Amino acid sequence: MKKIRNSLTAVLFLLVCFLPVFLSDPALAAAIPESRQKPLVVDEAELLTPQEEESLLARLEEISERQKCDVALVTVNSLDGKTIRNFADDFFDYNGYGWGSADDGLILVVDMKTRQWWISTHAYAITAFTDAGIDYIGDKISGSLSSGNYANAFFKYASLCDDFLTEARKGTPYDTGHLPKEKPGVLMLLLALGIGGVAGLIVVTVMRSQLKNVKPQESAQNYMTREGLRLSEERDLFMYSKTHRTARPKDTGGSSSSSSGSSTHTSSSGRSHGGGGGRF
């Protein structure tokens, strides 16, 4: 009886010690794959509300599972003396991120102390997220990061990652000369239609004001003078022409001056990573 009482006391002690940790952080309480030690959203800088963090985590989990590629995010207030590139690579490598046997995935790190962001890619994500593509994503989220609209920046990051992975699965990853086309908003379309309508109305009004009021005639002879038809101007106009063009031979030697694809480097774990970043 004494042994049973001691066992129950030990169990209750463990529950009292560890249950508050899971209750206080929904992200930790969420199911994490055995191969990964941390959730896809680690908000150490506390930039998100609990509701925003929970919603973002669900979004990234859904994208990662559907695309078979981990899409992660971490915010920090310190890089522990590392460069942001090395911090992002190590955070990905040493916390078990990556989908499948190849550990396909990427992670966005936002450091509030240095006001920097960095996206580290690994395995298939290196192909899906080229240098030009990462720069494009950075341009789209930096404005929201600068203005403090962090939730908007992170949800935009999630949506763009989904789009980039979808495009890469088609065999045409976004890259230099092939980046997402901007879609005009509804407000811009309405504004363009309004301006076009007003401009058209002005032109028609001016043209009508220049017309002279005359009565229609029943016969074309009434429009002719006694002197007959008189030409006031004569010109020869060439209506058609043909031009033959020959393509200039392309330089097949040497390296290309345009930057495309993904540049890579080796992390402290010895694995190959791509990536890029900037400031906000």
Protein backbone atom coordinates (compact mmCIF):
# COMPACT_ATOMS: atom_id res chain seq x y z
CA MET A 1 0.00 0.00 0.00
CA LYS A 2 2.84 2.34 0.83
CA LYS A 3 4.48 1.68 -2.58
CA ILE A 4 1.23 2.52 -4.41
CA ARG A 5 0.87 5.74 -2.44
CA ASN A 6 4.46 6.73 -3.22
CA SER A 7 3.92 6.02 -6.96
CA LEU A 8 0.77 8.15 -7.08
CA THR A 9 2.60 10.97 -5.33
CA ALA A 10 5.40 10.83 -7.92
CA VAL A 11 2.93 10.93 -10.81
CA LEU A 12 1.08 13.89 -9.32
CA PHE A 13 4.39 15.69 -8.80
CA LEU A 14 5.34 15.26 -12.49
CA LEU A 15 1.93 16.50 -13.61
CA VAL A 16 2.19 19.59 -11.42
CA CYS A 17 5.66 20.36 -12.77
CA PHE A 18 5.10 19.91 -16.50
CA LEU A 19 1.40 20.45 -17.18
CA PRO A 20 1.58 24.28 -16.82
CA VAL A 21 4.28 24.39 -19.52
CA PHE A 22 2.00 22.80 -22.12
CA LEU A 23 -1.04 24.76 -21.05
CA SER A 24 0.80 28.07 -21.29
CA ASP A 25 2.11 27.50 -24.82
CA PRO A 26 -0.30 26.08 -27.42
CA ALA A 27 2.57 25.58 -29.86
CA LEU A 28 4.38 23.21 -27.49
CA ALA A 29 1.17 21.37 -26.75
CA ALA A 30 0.64 20.71 -30.47
CA ALA A 31 1.74 17.39 -31.89
CA ILE A 32 5.33 17.57 -33.16
CA PRO A 33 6.76 14.82 -35.38
CA GLU A 34 9.33 12.62 -33.65
CA SER A 35 12.04 13.74 -36.07
CA ARG A 36 11.42 17.39 -35.19
CA GLN A 37 11.93 18.84 -31.71
CA LYS A 38 10.23 22.20 -32.21
CA PRO A 39 7.01 23.45 -33.84
CA LEU A 40 7.00 25.21 -37.21
CA VAL A 41 6.40 28.54 -35.43
CA VAL A 42 8.81 29.56 -32.66
CA ASP A 43 7.98 33.10 -31.57
CA GLU A 44 10.69 33.78 -29.00
CA ALA A 45 10.44 37.54 -29.64
CA GLU A 46 6.70 37.41 -28.83
CA LEU A 47 5.61 39.32 -31.94
CA LEU A 48 2.33 37.42 -32.28
CA THR A 49 -0.75 37.08 -30.11
CA PRO A 50 -1.59 33.51 -28.99
CA GLN A 51 -4.45 33.44 -31.51
CA GLU A 52 -2.21 34.62 -34.37
CA GLU A 53 0.46 32.11 -33.47
CA GLU A 54 -2.02 29.24 -33.33
CA SER A 55 -3.55 30.20 -36.68
CA LEU A 56 -0.15 30.63 -38.33
CA LEU A 57 1.06 27.30 -36.98
CA ALA A 58 -1.98 25.55 -38.43
CA ARG A 59 -1.38 27.25 -41.79
CA LEU A 60 2.29 26.22 -41.94
CA GLU A 61 1.49 22.67 -40.84
CA GLU A 62 -1.09 22.36 -43.63
CA ILE A 63 1.27 23.75 -46.28
CA SER A 64 4.18 21.58 -45.12
CA GLU A 65 2.15 18.38 -45.16
CA ARG A 66 0.49 19.09 -48.52
CA GLN A 67 3.72 20.22 -50.22
CA LYS A 68 5.90 17.61 -48.49
CA CYS A 69 8.33 20.35 -47.50
CA ASP A 70 8.70 21.94 -44.05
CA VAL A 71 7.96 25.69 -43.99
CA ALA A 72 9.10 27.09 -40.63
CA LEU A 73 9.47 30.45 -38.90
CA VAL A 74 11.36 31.66 -35.83
CA THR A 75 11.59 35.12 -34.24
CA VAL A 76 14.37 35.98 -31.78
CA ASN A 77 15.83 38.87 -29.84
CA SER A 78 19.40 37.61 -30.09
CA LEU A 79 21.51 35.59 -32.51
CA ASP A 80 23.77 34.22 -29.77
CA GLY A 81 26.84 35.80 -31.34
CA LYS A 82 26.31 34.17 -34.73
CA THR A 83 25.62 35.70 -38.10
CA ILE A 84 21.97 35.46 -39.00
CA ARG A 85 22.80 33.03 -41.83
CA ASN A 86 24.63 30.65 -39.50
CA PHE A 87 21.91 30.99 -36.87
CA ALA A 88 19.20 30.08 -39.40
CA ASP A 89 21.16 27.10 -40.75
CA ASP A 90 21.90 25.75 -37.26
CA PHE A 91 18.34 26.28 -36.04
CA PHE A 92 17.07 24.24 -38.99
CA ASP A 93 19.72 21.51 -38.72
CA TYR A 94 19.85 20.98 -34.97
CA ASN A 95 16.12 21.07 -34.27
CA GLY A 96 15.18 18.32 -36.69
CA TYR A 97 13.38 20.38 -39.34
CA GLY A 98 12.88 18.99 -42.83
CA TRP A 99 10.38 16.70 -44.56
CA GLY A 100 11.17 13.12 -45.54
CA SER A 101 14.48 11.37 -45.76
CA ALA A 102 16.11 14.33 -47.55
CA ASP A 103 14.88 16.86 -44.95
CA ASP A 104 13.28 19.16 -47.53
CA GLY A 105 12.43 22.52 -46.00
CA LEU A 106 13.15 26.15 -45.29
CA ILE A 107 13.02 28.49 -42.31
CA LEU A 108 12.57 32.23 -41.95
CA VAL A 109 14.48 33.84 -39.07
CA VAL A 110 13.57 37.35 -37.91
CA ASP A 111 15.97 38.97 -35.44
CA MET A 112 14.54 42.03 -33.69
CA LYS A 113 17.87 43.17 -32.23
CA THR A 114 19.64 43.63 -35.57
CA ARG A 115 16.43 44.13 -37.57
CA GLN A 116 17.46 41.42 -40.01
CA TRP A 117 15.65 38.56 -41.73
CA TRP A 118 17.07 35.46 -43.35
CA ILE A 119 15.58 32.49 -45.19
CA SER A 120 17.62 29.27 -45.05
CA THR A 121 16.76 26.51 -47.53
CA HIS A 122 17.74 22.85 -47.58
CA ALA A 123 17.41 19.95 -50.05
CA TYR A 124 14.42 20.42 -52.40
CA ALA A 125 13.78 23.92 -51.02
CA ILE A 126 17.11 25.00 -52.55
CA THR A 127 15.62 24.24 -55.96
CA ALA A 128 12.19 25.73 -55.24
CA PHE A 129 13.51 28.96 -53.68
CA THR A 130 16.21 30.53 -55.86
CA ASP A 131 18.21 33.62 -54.89
CA ALA A 132 15.90 35.81 -56.98
CA GLY A 133 12.86 34.15 -55.46
CA ILE A 134 14.07 34.73 -51.90
CA ASP A 135 14.74 38.39 -52.72
CA TYR A 136 11.19 38.64 -54.07
CA ILE A 137 9.72 37.19 -50.86
CA GLY A 138 11.86 39.53 -48.79
CA ASP A 139 10.58 42.55 -50.71
CA LYS A 140 6.99 41.46 -50.04
CA ILE A 141 7.38 41.01 -46.28
CA SER A 142 9.89 43.74 -45.36
CA GLY A 143 7.32 46.54 -45.46
CA SER A 144 5.04 44.81 -42.96
CA LEU A 145 8.01 43.92 -40.74
CA SER A 146 9.18 47.54 -40.74
CA SER A 147 5.71 48.85 -39.82
CA GLY A 148 5.26 46.29 -37.05
CA ASN A 149 2.51 44.35 -38.82
CA TYR A 150 4.20 41.04 -38.07
CA ALA A 151 1.19 38.76 -38.50
CA ASN A 152 0.60 40.13 -41.99
CA ALA A 153 4.27 39.59 -42.90
CA PHE A 154 4.30 36.00 -41.65
CA PHE A 155 1.03 35.00 -43.30
CA LYS A 156 2.30 36.58 -46.53
CA TYR A 157 5.47 34.51 -46.17
CA ALA A 158 3.36 31.36 -45.75
CA SER A 159 1.25 32.08 -48.85
CA LEU A 160 4.28 32.91 -50.99
CA CYS A 161 6.05 29.72 -49.91
CA ASP A 162 2.96 27.76 -50.93
CA ASP A 163 2.92 29.47 -54.34
CA PHE A 164 6.66 28.95 -54.89
CA LEU A 165 6.47 25.24 -54.03
CA THR A 166 3.47 24.77 -56.33
CA GLU A 167 5.33 26.44 -59.21
CA ALA A 168 8.45 24.39 -58.56
CA ARG A 169 6.46 21.13 -58.66
CA LYS A 170 5.46 22.09 -62.22
CA GLY A 171 9.13 22.11 -63.16
CA THR A 172 9.42 25.89 -63.47
CA PRO A 173 10.70 27.35 -60.18
CA TYR A 174 10.41 31.10 -59.84
CA ASP A 175 13.71 32.68 -60.80
CA THR A 176 15.28 35.62 -62.65
CA GLY A 177 12.95 36.53 -65.52
CA HIS A 178 10.21 34.30 -64.13
CA LEU A 179 8.75 35.77 -60.94
CA PRO A 180 5.12 36.04 -59.80
CA LYS A 181 3.16 38.64 -61.73
CA GLU A 182 1.44 41.31 -59.71
CA LYS A 183 -2.35 41.14 -59.81
CA PRO A 184 -4.07 44.55 -59.86
CA GLY A 185 -6.38 45.13 -56.94
CA VAL A 186 -10.08 45.84 -57.27
CA LEU A 187 -9.54 49.47 -56.26
CA MET A 188 -6.93 49.97 -59.00
CA LEU A 189 -9.24 48.46 -61.61
CA LEU A 190 -12.12 50.72 -60.59
CA LEU A 191 -9.80 53.73 -60.61
CA ALA A 192 -8.53 52.88 -64.11
CA LEU A 193 -12.07 52.45 -65.42
CA GLY A 194 -13.12 55.77 -63.89
CA ILE A 195 -10.19 57.67 -65.39
CA GLY A 196 -10.80 56.08 -68.79
CA GLY A 197 -14.49 56.99 -68.69
CA VAL A 198 -13.84 60.62 -67.78
CA ALA A 199 -11.12 60.97 -70.47
CA GLY A 200 -13.44 59.49 -73.09
CA LEU A 201 -16.26 61.84 -72.12
CA ILE A 202 -13.96 64.88 -72.44
CA VAL A 203 -12.74 63.84 -75.91
CA VAL A 204 -16.27 63.25 -77.20
CA THR A 205 -17.46 66.60 -75.82
CA VAL A 206 -14.61 68.48 -77.51
CA MET A 207 -15.24 66.75 -80.83
CA ARG A 208 -18.93 67.54 -80.73
CA SER A 209 -18.25 71.20 -79.99
CA GLN A 210 -16.17 71.47 -83.18
CA LEU A 211 -18.94 70.21 -85.46
CA LYS A 212 -20.95 72.78 -87.51
CA ASN A 213 -24.69 72.57 -87.63
CA VAL A 214 -25.73 71.93 -91.25
CA LYS A 215 -28.86 70.47 -92.78
CA PRO A 216 -28.59 67.05 -94.44
CA GLN A 217 -28.83 67.08 -98.25
CA GLU A 218 -30.86 64.61 -100.32
CA SER A 219 -28.30 64.31 -103.14
CA ALA A 220 -24.52 64.20 -103.29
CA GLN A 221 -24.59 66.77 -106.11
CA ASN A 222 -25.46 69.47 -103.60
CA TYR A 223 -22.00 69.03 -102.06
CA MET A 224 -20.18 69.69 -105.35
CA THR A 225 -19.12 73.15 -106.64
CA ARG A 226 -19.43 74.39 -110.21
CA GLU A 227 -15.67 74.11 -110.69
CA GLY A 228 -15.86 70.38 -109.92
CA LEU A 229 -13.53 68.39 -107.67
CA ARG A 230 -10.38 70.21 -106.60
CA LEU A 231 -7.47 68.46 -104.85
CA SER A 232 -5.71 70.72 -102.39
CA GLU A 233 -2.93 68.21 -101.53
CA GLU A 234 -1.32 65.22 -103.21
CA ARG A 235 0.91 62.62 -101.49
CA ASP A 236 2.30 59.17 -102.25
CA LEU A 237 1.89 56.79 -99.31
CA PHE A 238 3.65 53.45 -99.01
CA MET A 239 1.12 51.12 -97.38
CA TYR A 240 3.24 47.99 -96.94
CA SER A 241 6.88 47.07 -96.50
CA LYS A 242 8.85 43.92 -95.77
CA THR A 243 11.82 43.75 -93.42
CA HIS A 244 14.12 40.76 -93.09
CA ARG A 245 15.93 40.36 -89.76
CA THR A 246 18.76 38.00 -88.93
CA ALA A 247 19.28 36.95 -85.32
CA ARG A 248 22.59 37.96 -83.80
CA PRO A 249 24.67 34.88 -82.86
CA LYS A 250 24.65 34.21 -79.12
CA ASP A 251 27.87 34.02 -77.14
CA THR A 252 28.12 30.37 -76.10
CA GLY A 253 31.41 30.72 -74.30
CA GLY A 254 32.16 31.96 -70.81
CA SER A 255 29.83 32.38 -67.85
CA SER A 256 26.48 34.10 -67.93
CA SER A 257 26.31 37.60 -66.52
CA SER A 258 22.73 37.15 -65.31
CA SER A 259 22.28 35.64 -61.87
CA SER A 260 19.92 32.70 -61.62
CA GLY A 261 19.41 29.57 -59.57
CA SER A 262 20.47 29.19 -55.94
CA SER A 263 23.87 29.87 -54.43
CA THR A 264 24.77 27.39 -51.70
CA HIS A 265 27.12 27.09 -48.75
CA THR A 266 27.98 24.52 -46.08
CA SER A 267 26.59 24.89 -42.57
CA SER A 268 28.33 23.94 -39.32
CA SER A 269 26.65 20.53 -39.51
CA GLY A 270 28.29 19.88 -42.87
CA ARG A 271 25.02 20.10 -44.82
CA SER A 272 24.40 22.21 -47.92
CA HIS A 273 22.11 25.23 -47.57
CA GLY A 274 20.84 27.97 -49.83
CA GLY A 275 19.36 31.21 -48.65
CA GLY A 276 19.28 34.97 -48.57
CA GLY A 277 18.19 37.86 -46.41
CA GLY A 278 18.15 41.56 -45.68
CA ARG A 279 17.12 44.25 -43.22
CA PHE A 280 13.79 45.80 -42.35
